Amino acid sequence: MEELMEILEDICPEVDFEKETALVDDKVIGSFEILAIISEIRDSFDVTLTPAEIIPENFNSAQALWNMICRLKK
């Protein structure tokens, strides 16, 4: 989770990823940030995100992203 938090903070340093729970729903992050996050997740965690995983529920919080990464690594 620490590595994910570093990635997120590098992409969007102004966002408090520890507290935000509606990153997509509240438009805290947009499509460009989501694409950057997907790319970094792929490179850092060696997982592939299919279009089925690219839904707001998986990107609304750092915890949701982490849960998705853990699920994909299994």
Protein backbone atom coordinates (compact mmCIF):
# COMPACT_ATOMS: atom_id res chain seq x y z
CA MET A 1 0.00 0.00 0.00
CA GLU A 2 2.90 2.35 0.72
CA GLU A 3 4.16 2.09 -2.85
CA LEU A 4 0.67 2.83 -4.17
CA MET A 5 0.39 5.91 -1.95
CA GLU A 6 3.73 7.18 -3.29
CA ILE A 7 2.51 6.70 -6.86
CA LEU A 8 -0.74 8.52 -6.17
CA GLU A 9 0.99 11.40 -4.40
CA ASP A 10 3.45 11.78 -7.29
CA ILE A 11 0.60 11.98 -9.80
CA CYS A 12 -1.67 14.25 -7.72
CA PRO A 13 0.32 15.85 -4.89
CA GLU A 14 -2.55 18.17 -3.94
CA VAL A 15 -4.95 15.30 -3.12
CA ASP A 16 -5.22 13.72 0.35
CA PHE A 17 -5.47 10.08 -0.69
CA GLU A 18 -5.72 8.91 2.90
CA LYS A 19 -9.05 10.71 3.39
CA GLU A 20 -10.68 10.89 -0.05
CA THR A 21 -13.31 8.24 -0.74
CA ALA A 22 -14.94 9.67 -3.87
CA LEU A 23 -12.01 10.55 -6.12
CA VAL A 24 -13.90 9.88 -9.34
CA ASP A 25 -17.43 10.60 -8.15
CA ASP A 26 -16.44 14.04 -6.82
CA LYS A 27 -14.20 14.70 -9.85
CA VAL A 28 -11.09 15.02 -7.66
CA ILE A 29 -9.19 13.10 -10.34
CA GLY A 30 -9.95 13.06 -14.05
CA SER A 31 -9.25 10.88 -17.03
CA PHE A 32 -5.62 11.98 -17.44
CA GLU A 33 -4.83 11.13 -13.82
CA ILE A 34 -6.63 7.81 -14.13
CA LEU A 35 -4.57 6.93 -17.21
CA ALA A 36 -1.37 7.83 -15.35
CA ILE A 37 -2.44 5.73 -12.36
CA ILE A 38 -3.24 2.76 -14.61
CA SER A 39 0.16 3.02 -16.27
CA GLU A 40 2.02 3.24 -12.96
CA ILE A 41 0.04 0.36 -11.44
CA ARG A 42 0.83 -1.79 -14.47
CA ASP A 43 4.54 -1.01 -14.29
CA SER A 44 4.97 -1.11 -10.51
CA PHE A 45 2.76 -4.08 -9.61
CA ASP A 46 2.98 -6.09 -12.85
CA VAL A 47 -0.78 -6.36 -13.27
CA THR A 48 -2.96 -5.78 -16.30
CA LEU A 49 -6.18 -3.85 -15.97
CA THR A 50 -8.92 -4.85 -18.36
CA PRO A 51 -11.69 -2.44 -19.33
CA ALA A 52 -13.94 -4.25 -16.83
CA GLU A 53 -11.73 -3.02 -13.97
CA ILE A 54 -11.68 0.59 -15.10
CA ILE A 55 -14.82 1.63 -13.23
CA PRO A 56 -15.32 4.43 -10.69
CA GLU A 57 -15.67 2.00 -7.79
CA ASN A 58 -12.09 0.82 -8.30
CA PHE A 59 -10.68 4.37 -8.46
CA ASN A 60 -12.68 6.25 -5.82
CA SER A 61 -10.10 5.74 -3.08
CA ALA A 62 -6.60 4.50 -2.45
CA GLN A 63 -8.08 1.54 -0.58
CA ALA A 64 -10.28 0.64 -3.55
CA LEU A 65 -7.25 0.79 -5.83
CA TRP A 66 -5.26 -1.37 -3.43
CA ASN A 67 -8.08 -3.92 -3.23
CA MET A 68 -8.17 -4.09 -7.03
CA ILE A 69 -4.38 -4.56 -7.23
CA CYS A 70 -4.47 -7.36 -4.64
CA ARG A 71 -7.34 -9.07 -6.49
CA LEU A 72 -5.47 -8.85 -9.83
CA LYS A 73 -2.25 -10.23 -8.37
CA LYS A 74 -3.97 -13.47 -7.27
